Amino acid sequence: MTLPCLKNFKNYQNNYYSVLMQIPGFKESALVIEDFLKQIIAVGDFYIKVPTKVLPLILECGYLKNAVQAGKTASGGGPVARIKSTEFMFGCSQNELTKPDYPRFGYLSSPDPKINMLMTYDMTYQYGDATIKLKKDNLFDRTTLTIGTSLDFMSFAYLIPTLLTDPKATCIFGVATHLASGKDAAPYGPGNIKNYLFIADKIKDGTINKNNFYNIDELLGGKNPLLRFFELQFHGDIKLSDFERIDYMEEPDEEVIKGFVAKGIPVEEQSII
């Protein structure tokens, strides 16, 4: 069954991809980036950060709410921004979506929880100090990815995520999408693909690879806020049965820990020291 958010996605992405292919230099960069994406998707694991204080609520309801269901977000703009960004990224209409249809957001990182904690510590202040590692196999076929944030700086108007099952180099901030431009074909020019060229060069020279991709912010010089991590968009429900483990820095209530453990979800303290 096709998820409502992704109903028109493949055609929407293909149209955008065909526009990008007309830009000098994109095709060569895309080949490098898409091979790299396949590698990191194969080795990386799925995570979501939440505040420790919401763990009891997650345990009680049995699933992760998206921003529209929760009525708030960790990023600016609130649920309204997530509704708008979803339309731009996936080529869907809010008139066709119910609250549960909107994606949940996480990131791709090292399969080692300790390394993940070290590499993503700066995300704690915005998204939460508890890290939920998800079962990759459960969610793989309904997950999409962008290189960097899809919301900040209106990135959602200048990229289209890629399916993990068929990686395409549409997922980097660069060229205005059809919805953003209001035209049949998005405007393009050599300057619009500088991030594609930059990332492709860093892959080719070995700066970033499948063994260190989760440290992308530091590896790329820490100067581009658009390229700080690999964002994942999860489509459909994320239930407790999709949780692999929970790591925390601020200890949850003992009864909350026991509740998750009783459902087969390990809960462990994780420190950056």
Protein backbone atom coordinates (compact mmCIF):
# COMPACT_ATOMS: atom_id res chain seq x y z
CA MET A 1 0.00 0.00 0.00
CA THR A 2 1.33 3.42 -0.98
CA LEU A 3 1.55 5.84 1.91
CA PRO A 4 -0.45 9.06 1.30
CA CYS A 5 2.59 11.29 1.66
CA LEU A 6 4.43 9.34 -1.05
CA LYS A 7 1.50 8.86 -3.42
CA ASN A 8 2.93 11.14 -6.13
CA PHE A 9 6.52 11.12 -4.97
CA LYS A 10 8.28 9.12 -7.69
CA ASN A 11 6.94 11.24 -10.54
CA TYR A 12 7.61 14.39 -8.56
CA GLN A 13 11.21 13.37 -7.90
CA ASN A 14 11.81 12.17 -11.47
CA ASN A 15 10.67 15.51 -12.89
CA TYR A 16 13.08 17.35 -10.61
CA TYR A 17 15.89 14.91 -11.40
CA SER A 18 15.44 15.52 -15.13
CA VAL A 19 15.85 19.26 -14.55
CA LEU A 20 19.01 18.71 -12.52
CA MET A 21 20.43 16.51 -15.26
CA GLN A 22 20.38 19.48 -17.62
CA ILE A 23 22.81 21.42 -15.43
CA PRO A 24 26.48 21.15 -16.48
CA GLY A 25 28.41 19.12 -13.92
CA PHE A 26 25.43 17.61 -12.15
CA LYS A 27 25.45 14.20 -13.83
CA GLU A 28 29.09 13.54 -12.96
CA SER A 29 28.57 14.65 -9.36
CA ALA A 30 25.36 12.62 -9.05
CA LEU A 31 27.12 9.37 -9.97
CA VAL A 32 29.64 9.91 -7.16
CA ILE A 33 27.03 10.99 -4.61
CA GLU A 34 24.58 8.20 -5.38
CA ASP A 35 27.23 5.52 -4.98
CA PHE A 36 28.23 7.11 -1.67
CA LEU A 37 24.60 7.20 -0.52
CA LYS A 38 24.21 3.48 -1.23
CA GLN A 39 27.26 2.78 0.91
CA ILE A 40 26.24 4.84 3.94
CA ILE A 41 22.63 3.65 3.79
CA ALA A 42 23.95 0.08 3.94
CA VAL A 43 26.15 0.65 7.00
CA GLY A 44 24.31 3.38 8.94
CA ASP A 45 21.55 2.98 11.52
CA PHE A 46 18.36 4.92 12.25
CA TYR A 47 17.94 7.26 15.21
CA ILE A 48 15.53 9.80 16.67
CA LYS A 49 16.28 12.21 19.51
CA VAL A 50 13.59 13.19 22.01
CA PRO A 51 13.56 14.96 25.38
CA THR A 52 13.71 12.51 28.29
CA LYS A 53 10.54 14.06 29.70
CA VAL A 54 8.46 12.75 26.76
CA LEU A 55 9.52 9.11 27.21
CA PRO A 56 6.63 8.42 29.64
CA LEU A 57 4.18 9.78 27.06
CA ILE A 58 5.67 7.59 24.32
CA LEU A 59 5.46 4.56 26.59
CA GLU A 60 1.85 5.34 27.44
CA CYS A 61 0.55 5.86 23.90
CA GLY A 62 2.76 3.17 22.35
CA TYR A 63 4.06 5.12 19.36
CA LEU A 64 5.99 8.22 18.28
CA LYS A 65 3.85 11.18 17.30
CA ASN A 66 4.88 13.43 14.44
CA ALA A 67 5.03 17.22 14.83
CA VAL A 68 1.51 17.73 13.51
CA GLN A 69 0.05 15.22 15.95
CA ALA A 70 2.09 16.60 18.84
CA GLY A 71 1.24 20.20 18.00
CA LYS A 72 4.82 21.38 18.42
CA THR A 73 8.30 20.97 16.97
CA ALA A 74 11.90 21.29 18.07
CA SER A 75 12.57 23.42 14.99
CA GLY A 76 11.23 26.88 14.24
CA GLY A 77 7.84 27.38 12.62
CA GLY A 78 5.97 24.71 14.53
CA PRO A 79 3.60 22.22 12.89
CA VAL A 80 2.64 24.74 10.19
CA ALA A 81 6.23 24.70 8.91
CA ARG A 82 6.23 20.89 8.82
CA ILE A 83 2.96 20.84 6.89
CA LYS A 84 4.33 23.26 4.31
CA SER A 85 7.69 21.52 4.03
CA THR A 86 6.01 18.14 3.53
CA GLU A 87 4.08 19.46 0.54
CA PHE A 88 7.24 20.87 -1.03
CA MET A 89 9.42 17.82 -0.38
CA PHE A 90 7.04 15.07 -1.44
CA GLY A 91 4.74 16.72 -3.97
CA CYS A 92 1.62 16.03 -1.92
CA SER A 93 -1.23 18.22 -0.70
CA GLN A 94 -2.22 18.81 2.90
CA ASN A 95 -5.82 18.40 1.72
CA GLU A 96 -5.09 14.73 1.08
CA LEU A 97 -3.25 14.06 4.37
CA THR A 98 -4.44 13.35 7.89
CA LYS A 99 -2.30 14.18 10.92
CA PRO A 100 -0.74 10.68 11.20
CA ASP A 101 0.32 10.83 7.53
CA TYR A 102 3.03 13.44 8.12
CA PRO A 103 6.58 12.12 8.53
CA ARG A 104 8.59 11.75 11.70
CA PHE A 105 12.18 13.00 11.57
CA GLY A 106 15.43 11.40 12.64
CA TYR A 107 18.89 10.82 11.23
CA LEU A 108 21.33 8.24 9.86
CA SER A 109 24.43 7.66 11.97
CA SER A 110 26.99 5.15 13.21
CA PRO A 111 25.63 1.76 14.28
CA ASP A 112 27.75 2.14 17.43
CA PRO A 113 25.61 3.96 20.06
CA LYS A 114 28.67 5.46 21.75
CA ILE A 115 30.06 6.89 18.52
CA ASN A 116 26.61 8.16 17.59
CA MET A 117 26.31 9.94 20.93
CA LEU A 118 29.70 11.59 20.50
CA MET A 119 29.06 12.69 16.93
CA THR A 120 25.56 14.05 17.52
CA TYR A 121 25.93 15.57 20.97
CA ASP A 122 25.33 19.10 19.67
CA MET A 123 21.88 18.00 18.45
CA THR A 124 20.88 17.29 22.05
CA TYR A 125 20.11 20.89 22.89
CA GLN A 126 17.60 21.24 20.07
CA TYR A 127 16.03 17.83 19.72
CA GLY A 128 16.43 16.12 23.10
CA ASP A 129 18.87 14.22 25.30
CA ALA A 130 17.38 10.75 24.83
CA THR A 131 18.31 8.79 21.71
CA ILE A 132 16.00 6.12 20.31
CA LYS A 133 17.68 3.63 18.00
CA LEU A 134 15.12 2.21 15.59
CA LYS A 135 14.91 -1.18 13.90
CA LYS A 136 16.24 -0.45 10.45
CA ASP A 137 14.64 -3.42 8.72
CA ASN A 138 11.19 -2.44 9.99
CA LEU A 139 11.34 1.06 8.51
CA PHE A 140 13.73 0.84 5.56
CA ASP A 141 11.19 0.66 2.74
CA ARG A 142 9.29 3.73 4.00
CA THR A 143 12.15 6.06 4.85
CA THR A 144 13.57 8.95 2.84
CA LEU A 145 16.76 10.96 3.29
CA THR A 146 18.23 14.42 2.80
CA ILE A 147 21.84 15.43 3.23
CA GLY A 148 21.38 18.07 5.90
CA THR A 149 18.31 19.74 7.32
CA SER A 150 15.12 19.86 5.30
CA LEU A 151 13.56 22.71 7.28
CA ASP A 152 16.10 25.36 8.27
CA PHE A 153 16.70 28.12 5.71
CA MET A 154 13.66 26.82 3.77
CA SER A 155 15.79 23.96 2.49
CA PHE A 156 12.62 22.06 1.62
CA ALA A 157 12.08 24.38 -1.35
CA TYR A 158 15.50 23.59 -2.83
CA LEU A 159 15.75 19.81 -2.62
CA ILE A 160 13.70 16.64 -2.82
CA PRO A 161 14.48 13.71 -0.49
CA THR A 162 15.56 10.36 -1.84
CA LEU A 163 14.11 6.96 -1.12
CA LEU A 164 16.60 4.69 0.63
CA THR A 165 15.57 1.91 -1.72
CA ASP A 166 16.67 3.91 -4.78
CA PRO A 167 19.16 6.65 -3.85
CA LYS A 168 19.02 9.73 -6.09
CA ALA A 169 21.11 12.89 -5.75
CA THR A 170 18.09 15.15 -5.43
CA CYS A 171 18.52 15.38 -1.68
CA ILE A 172 20.98 18.29 -1.37
CA PHE A 173 20.15 21.98 -1.04
CA GLY A 174 20.63 23.60 -4.42
CA VAL A 175 17.97 24.12 -7.05
CA ALA A 176 14.44 25.42 -6.48
CA THR A 177 11.81 22.73 -6.94
CA HIS A 178 8.83 23.12 -9.26
CA LEU A 179 6.57 24.02 -6.34
CA ALA A 180 9.03 26.63 -5.11
CA SER A 181 9.48 28.26 -8.49
CA GLY A 182 5.85 28.08 -9.52
CA LYS A 183 6.95 27.03 -12.99
CA ASP A 184 6.81 23.86 -15.04
CA ALA A 185 10.58 23.63 -14.86
CA ALA A 186 12.64 24.93 -11.98
CA PRO A 187 15.25 27.61 -12.71
CA TYR A 188 18.79 26.34 -12.88
CA GLY A 189 22.35 27.42 -13.42
CA PRO A 190 25.90 26.31 -12.51
CA GLY A 191 25.84 28.26 -9.25
CA ASN A 192 22.86 26.32 -7.95
CA ILE A 193 24.73 23.03 -7.69
CA LYS A 194 27.76 24.20 -5.73
CA ASN A 195 26.82 21.94 -2.80
CA TYR A 196 26.62 18.93 -5.14
CA LEU A 197 30.05 19.70 -6.56
CA PHE A 198 31.49 20.34 -3.09
CA ILE A 199 30.22 17.07 -1.61
CA ALA A 200 31.23 15.05 -4.68
CA ASP A 201 34.78 16.44 -4.45
CA LYS A 202 34.97 15.53 -0.74
CA ILE A 203 33.83 12.01 -1.51
CA LYS A 204 36.30 11.61 -4.37
CA ASP A 205 39.27 12.80 -2.33
CA GLY A 206 38.33 10.51 0.58
CA THR A 207 37.52 13.26 3.07
CA ILE A 208 34.11 11.72 3.71
CA ASN A 209 33.37 8.02 3.31
CA LYS A 210 31.19 5.21 4.60
CA ASN A 211 33.34 4.86 7.72
CA ASN A 212 33.08 8.46 8.90
CA PHE A 213 29.99 9.94 7.23
CA TYR A 214 28.26 10.55 10.58
CA ASN A 215 30.91 13.21 11.31
CA ILE A 216 30.03 15.18 8.15
CA ASP A 217 29.76 18.56 9.92
CA GLU A 218 33.35 18.50 11.15
CA LEU A 219 34.72 16.79 8.03
CA LEU A 220 33.31 19.53 5.80
CA GLY A 221 34.77 22.25 7.98
CA GLY A 222 31.74 22.98 10.14
CA LYS A 223 30.96 26.05 8.04
CA ASN A 224 27.83 24.95 6.19
CA PRO A 225 24.75 24.70 8.46
CA LEU A 226 22.88 23.03 5.60
CA LEU A 227 25.13 19.96 5.62
CA ARG A 228 25.45 19.00 9.29
CA PHE A 229 23.88 15.54 9.33
CA PHE A 230 21.93 12.99 7.29
CA GLU A 231 18.27 13.61 8.02
CA LEU A 232 15.77 10.78 7.74
CA GLN A 233 12.05 11.17 7.17
CA PHE A 234 10.05 8.18 8.44
CA HIS A 235 6.68 7.61 6.77
CA GLY A 236 3.93 5.76 8.61
CA ASP A 237 3.69 4.81 12.27
CA ILE A 238 6.70 4.20 14.48
CA LYS A 239 5.53 1.89 17.26
CA LEU A 240 7.33 0.58 20.32
CA SER A 241 7.89 -2.63 18.37
CA ASP A 242 10.10 -0.55 16.05
CA PHE A 243 12.39 0.55 18.92
CA GLU A 244 15.71 -1.27 19.23
CA ARG A 245 17.07 0.57 22.28
CA ILE A 246 16.98 3.87 24.15
CA ASP A 247 20.08 5.71 25.39
CA TYR A 248 19.80 8.61 27.80
CA MET A 249 21.97 11.23 29.47
CA GLU A 250 19.31 12.49 31.90
CA GLU A 251 17.98 9.44 33.69
CA PRO A 252 14.26 8.77 33.21
CA ASP A 253 11.99 7.74 36.07
CA GLU A 254 12.70 4.18 37.17
CA GLU A 255 9.16 3.08 36.34
CA VAL A 256 9.57 4.39 32.79
CA ILE A 257 12.77 2.40 32.36
CA LYS A 258 11.04 -0.72 33.68
CA GLY A 259 8.13 -0.13 31.32
CA PHE A 260 10.33 -0.07 28.22
CA VAL A 261 12.42 -3.02 29.40
CA ALA A 262 9.23 -5.02 29.97
CA LYS A 263 8.47 -4.49 26.28
CA GLY A 264 11.90 -5.77 25.28
CA ILE A 265 13.52 -2.36 24.75
CA PRO A 266 16.87 -1.91 26.55
CA VAL A 267 17.31 1.49 28.22
CA GLU A 268 20.89 2.49 29.03
CA GLU A 269 22.81 5.49 30.21
CA GLN A 270 25.17 6.91 27.62
CA SER A 271 27.84 9.47 28.36
CA ILE A 272 30.11 11.47 26.06
CA ILE A 273 32.94 11.13 28.58
